[in-house]
C-alpha cells in the first residue's frame, strides 16, 4: 500500500508526502521560502514567507515525523540558500534531508550539511548526478 498526500507549492506544481514500506518521505518539488534578499522588497520577502509557512504548517500538522525530505537548496538564493530547508527541519522531525534544485552547484548545496547536522538531521552529501543512497 502506498499513501500519497499532495500539498501546495510556492512556485510550480505540488509537493507531496509518500508512505511506502514503512518509510515516510516528502518531496518538496518547488515548495520553498523563495525570495532573493538582495533583490526583493521587504513586502515580497514577507509574502514569500507567509505563503511558504502556510503550506509548511499544513504538512507539519499532518506529518510531524519523516524519514527523508527532498528539498530545494538552490544556490540562486545566494544569502538565503538554506532558509526554507532550515525552517522545514525546525518544524518537522526528519531523519535525513536530500538536497535538490541546486543546478549542478554541488558544493553550494552541500554547504547546508553543517546546518542539517546542527539540527540533528543526516544530510545526504551528493557529489555527482546518478548517485544511489539508502534511507
C-alpha atoms as a PDB file:
ATOM      1  CA  UNK A   1       0.000   0.000   0.000  1.00  0.00           C
ATOM      2  CA  UNK A   2       1.226   3.454  -0.933  1.00  0.00           C
ATOM      3  CA  UNK A   3      -0.173   6.574   0.706  1.00  0.00           C
ATOM      4  CA  UNK A   4       0.298   9.922  -1.061  1.00  0.00           C
ATOM      5  CA  UNK A   5      -0.827  13.320   0.200  1.00  0.00           C
ATOM      6  CA  UNK A   6      -0.441  16.304  -2.121  1.00  0.00           C
ATOM      7  CA  UNK A   7       0.274  19.794  -0.783  1.00  0.00           C
ATOM      8  CA  UNK A   8       0.736  23.207  -2.301  1.00  0.00           C
ATOM      9  CA  UNK A   9       3.820  24.769  -3.767  1.00  0.00           C
ATOM     10  CA  UNK A  10       5.179  28.270  -3.643  1.00  0.00           C
ATOM     11  CA  UNK A  11       6.087  28.075  -7.330  1.00  0.00           C
ATOM     12  CA  UNK A  12       5.067  25.426  -9.893  1.00  0.00           C
ATOM     13  CA  UNK A  13       3.253  22.143  -9.289  1.00  0.00           C
ATOM     14  CA  UNK A  14       2.782  20.468  -5.930  1.00  0.00           C
ATOM     15  CA  UNK A  15       4.743  18.998  -3.063  1.00  0.00           C
ATOM     16  CA  UNK A  16       3.869  15.577  -1.761  1.00  0.00           C
ATOM     17  CA  UNK A  17       4.191  13.201   1.173  1.00  0.00           C
ATOM     18  CA  UNK A  18       4.582   9.476   0.474  1.00  0.00           C
ATOM     19  CA  UNK A  19       4.378   6.463   2.789  1.00  0.00           C
ATOM     20  CA  UNK A  20       5.804   3.301   1.285  1.00  0.00           C
ATOM     21  CA  UNK A  21       7.039   0.141   3.005  1.00  0.00           C
ATOM     22  CA  UNK A  22       7.037   1.888   6.372  1.00  0.00           C
ATOM     23  CA  UNK A  23       9.104   4.851   5.104  1.00  0.00           C
ATOM     24  CA  UNK A  24       7.779   8.400   5.317  1.00  0.00           C
ATOM     25  CA  UNK A  25       9.098  10.637   2.536  1.00  0.00           C
ATOM     26  CA  UNK A  26       8.434  14.209   1.472  1.00  0.00           C
ATOM     27  CA  UNK A  27       9.300  15.643  -1.936  1.00  0.00           C
ATOM     28  CA  UNK A  28       9.098  19.411  -1.774  1.00  0.00           C
ATOM     29  CA  UNK A  29       9.021  19.962  -5.530  1.00  0.00           C
ATOM     30  CA  UNK A  30       9.129  23.750  -5.865  1.00  0.00           C
ATOM     31  CA  UNK A  31       7.962  24.353  -2.287  1.00  0.00           C
ATOM     32  CA  UNK A  32      10.445  26.696  -0.630  1.00  0.00           C
ATOM     33  CA  UNK A  33      10.682  30.067   1.033  1.00  0.00           C
ATOM     34  CA  UNK A  34      11.588  31.563  -2.360  1.00  0.00           C
ATOM     35  CA  UNK A  35      12.879  35.097  -2.328  1.00  0.00           C
ATOM     36  CA  UNK A  36      16.047  36.939  -3.127  1.00  0.00           C
ATOM     37  CA  UNK A  37      17.037  39.056  -0.151  1.00  0.00           C
ATOM     38  CA  UNK A  38      19.309  41.182  -2.343  1.00  0.00           C
ATOM     39  CA  UNK A  39      16.613  41.884  -4.962  1.00  0.00           C
ATOM     40  CA  UNK A  40      13.231  41.504  -3.269  1.00  0.00           C
ATOM     41  CA  UNK A  41      11.394  44.235  -1.436  1.00  0.00           C
ATOM     42  CA  UNK A  42      10.541  43.787   2.226  1.00  0.00           C
ATOM     43  CA  UNK A  43       6.920  43.185   1.217  1.00  0.00           C
ATOM     44  CA  UNK A  44       7.939  40.488  -1.308  1.00  0.00           C
ATOM     45  CA  UNK A  45      10.123  38.742   1.283  1.00  0.00           C
ATOM     46  CA  UNK A  46       7.278  38.800   3.825  1.00  0.00           C
ATOM     47  CA  UNK A  47       4.735  37.496   1.278  1.00  0.00           C
ATOM     48  CA  UNK A  48       7.059  34.658   0.218  1.00  0.00           C
ATOM     49  CA  UNK A  49       7.461  33.708   3.874  1.00  0.00           C
ATOM     50  CA  UNK A  50       3.707  33.775   4.517  1.00  0.00           C
ATOM     51  CA  UNK A  51       2.982  31.560   1.513  1.00  0.00           C
ATOM     52  CA  UNK A  52       5.682  29.057   2.487  1.00  0.00           C
ATOM     53  CA  UNK A  53       4.756  28.922   6.160  1.00  0.00           C
ATOM     54  CA  UNK A  54       1.076  28.272   5.340  1.00  0.00           C
ATOM     55  CA  UNK A  55       1.989  25.103   3.414  1.00  0.00           C
ATOM     56  CA  UNK A  56       4.646  24.098   5.967  1.00  0.00           C
ATOM     57  CA  UNK A  57       2.103  24.406   8.785  1.00  0.00           C
ATOM     58  CA  UNK A  58      -0.345  22.100   6.971  1.00  0.00           C
ATOM     59  CA  UNK A  59       2.350  19.490   6.294  1.00  0.00           C
ATOM     60  CA  UNK A  60       3.688  19.616   9.869  1.00  0.00           C
ATOM     61  CA  UNK A  61       0.208  19.234  11.333  1.00  0.00           C
ATOM     62  CA  UNK A  62      -0.484  16.023   9.405  1.00  0.00           C
ATOM     63  CA  UNK A  63       3.055  14.595   9.255  1.00  0.00           C
ATOM     64  CA  UNK A  64       5.245  15.743  12.161  1.00  0.00           C
ATOM     65  CA  UNK A  65       7.859  12.997  11.548  1.00  0.00           C
ATOM     66  CA  UNK A  66       9.564  11.890   8.349  1.00  0.00           C
ATOM     67  CA  UNK A  67      12.349   9.571   7.351  1.00  0.00           C
ATOM     68  CA  UNK A  68      13.551  11.717   4.476  1.00  0.00           C
ATOM     69  CA  UNK A  69      12.788  15.035   2.856  1.00  0.00           C
ATOM     70  CA  UNK A  70      13.902  16.021  -0.638  1.00  0.00           C
ATOM     71  CA  UNK A  71      14.214  19.794  -0.519  1.00  0.00           C
ATOM     72  CA  UNK A  72      15.443  22.626  -2.780  1.00  0.00           C
ATOM     73  CA  UNK A  73      18.763  24.068  -1.696  1.00  0.00           C
ATOM     74  CA  UNK A  74      19.172  26.450  -4.584  1.00  0.00           C
ATOM     75  CA  UNK A  75      22.403  28.482  -4.973  1.00  0.00           C
ATOM     76  CA  UNK A  76      20.467  31.164  -6.863  1.00  0.00           C
ATOM     77  CA  UNK A  77      19.052  32.210  -3.472  1.00  0.00           C
ATOM     78  CA  UNK A  78      22.552  33.473  -2.536  1.00  0.00           C
ATOM     79  CA  UNK A  79      22.402  34.517   1.139  1.00  0.00           C
ATOM     80  CA  UNK A  80      19.213  32.589   1.939  1.00  0.00           C
ATOM     81  CA  UNK A  81      20.104  29.341   0.162  1.00  0.00           C
ATOM     82  CA  UNK A  82      19.123  27.160   3.148  1.00  0.00           C
ATOM     83  CA  UNK A  83      16.429  29.258   4.773  1.00  0.00           C
ATOM     84  CA  UNK A  84      13.419  27.192   3.635  1.00  0.00           C
ATOM     85  CA  UNK A  85      15.172  23.894   4.353  1.00  0.00           C
ATOM     86  CA  UNK A  86      16.190  25.045   7.833  1.00  0.00           C
ATOM     87  CA  UNK A  87      12.618  26.167   8.597  1.00  0.00           C
ATOM     88  CA  UNK A  88      11.293  22.802   7.372  1.00  0.00           C
ATOM     89  CA  UNK A  89      13.709  20.865   9.585  1.00  0.00           C
ATOM     90  CA  UNK A  90      12.837  23.057  12.570  1.00  0.00           C
ATOM     91  CA  UNK A  91       9.098  22.399  12.067  1.00  0.00           C
ATOM     92  CA  UNK A  92       9.185  18.681  11.202  1.00  0.00           C
ATOM     93  CA  UNK A  93      11.274  15.931  12.757  1.00  0.00           C
ATOM     94  CA  UNK A  94      13.309  14.400   9.920  1.00  0.00           C
ATOM     95  CA  UNK A  95      15.965  11.726   9.890  1.00  0.00           C
ATOM     96  CA  UNK A  96      17.539  12.707   6.560  1.00  0.00           C
ATOM     97  CA  UNK A  97      17.500  15.549   4.051  1.00  0.00           C
ATOM     98  CA  UNK A  98      18.440  15.192   0.401  1.00  0.00           C
ATOM     99  CA  UNK A  99      19.290  18.404  -1.459  1.00  0.00           C
ATOM    100  CA  UNK A 100      17.765  19.097  -4.846  1.00  0.00           C
ATOM    101  CA  UNK A 101      17.217  22.008  -7.199  1.00  0.00           C
ATOM    102  CA  UNK A 102      20.862  23.046  -6.953  1.00  0.00           C
ATOM    103  CA  UNK A 103      21.588  23.273 -10.681  1.00  0.00           C
ATOM    104  CA  UNK A 104      24.925  21.426 -10.521  1.00  0.00           C
ATOM    105  CA  UNK A 105      26.123  23.549  -7.591  1.00  0.00           C
ATOM    106  CA  UNK A 106      27.066  20.512  -5.506  1.00  0.00           C
ATOM    107  CA  UNK A 107      29.462  22.471  -3.276  1.00  0.00           C
ATOM    108  CA  UNK A 108      26.902  25.198  -2.576  1.00  0.00           C
ATOM    109  CA  UNK A 109      24.161  22.672  -1.776  1.00  0.00           C
ATOM    110  CA  UNK A 110      26.466  20.526   0.344  1.00  0.00           C
ATOM    111  CA  UNK A 111      27.400  23.573   2.418  1.00  0.00           C
ATOM    112  CA  UNK A 112      23.990  23.104   4.098  1.00  0.00           C
ATOM    113  CA  UNK A 113      25.290  19.895   5.676  1.00  0.00           C
ATOM    114  CA  UNK A 114      26.566  21.661   8.814  1.00  0.00           C
ATOM    115  CA  UNK A 115      23.174  23.305   9.412  1.00  0.00           C
ATOM    116  CA  UNK A 116      21.371  19.987   8.959  1.00  0.00           C
ATOM    117  CA  UNK A 117      23.735  18.243  11.371  1.00  0.00           C
ATOM    118  CA  UNK A 118      23.289  21.040  13.929  1.00  0.00           C
ATOM    119  CA  UNK A 119      19.560  20.246  13.794  1.00  0.00           C
ATOM    120  CA  UNK A 120      20.275  16.527  14.285  1.00  0.00           C
ATOM    121  CA  UNK A 121      19.452  15.604  10.689  1.00  0.00           C
ATOM    122  CA  UNK A 122      21.556  13.394   8.401  1.00  0.00           C
ATOM    123  CA  UNK A 123      22.492  15.257   5.230  1.00  0.00           C
ATOM    124  CA  UNK A 124      22.849  13.199   2.058  1.00  0.00           C
ATOM    125  CA  UNK A 125      26.046  14.639   0.590  1.00  0.00           C
ATOM    126  CA  UNK A 126      25.866  14.419  -3.208  1.00  0.00           C
ATOM    127  CA  UNK A 127      28.895  14.702  -5.475  1.00  0.00           C
ATOM    128  CA  UNK A 128      27.546  13.717  -8.909  1.00  0.00           C
ATOM    129  CA  UNK A 129      24.363  13.045 -10.817  1.00  0.00           C
ATOM    130  CA  UNK A 130      23.011   9.496 -10.690  1.00  0.00           C
ATOM    131  CA  UNK A 131      24.271   8.639  -7.209  1.00  0.00           C
ATOM    132  CA  UNK A 132      22.472   5.962  -5.221  1.00  0.00           C
ATOM    133  CA  UNK A 133      21.936   6.125  -1.473  1.00  0.00           C
ATOM    134  CA  UNK A 134      19.835   4.320   1.127  1.00  0.00           C
ATOM    135  CA  UNK A 135      17.438   5.890   3.549  1.00  0.00           C
END
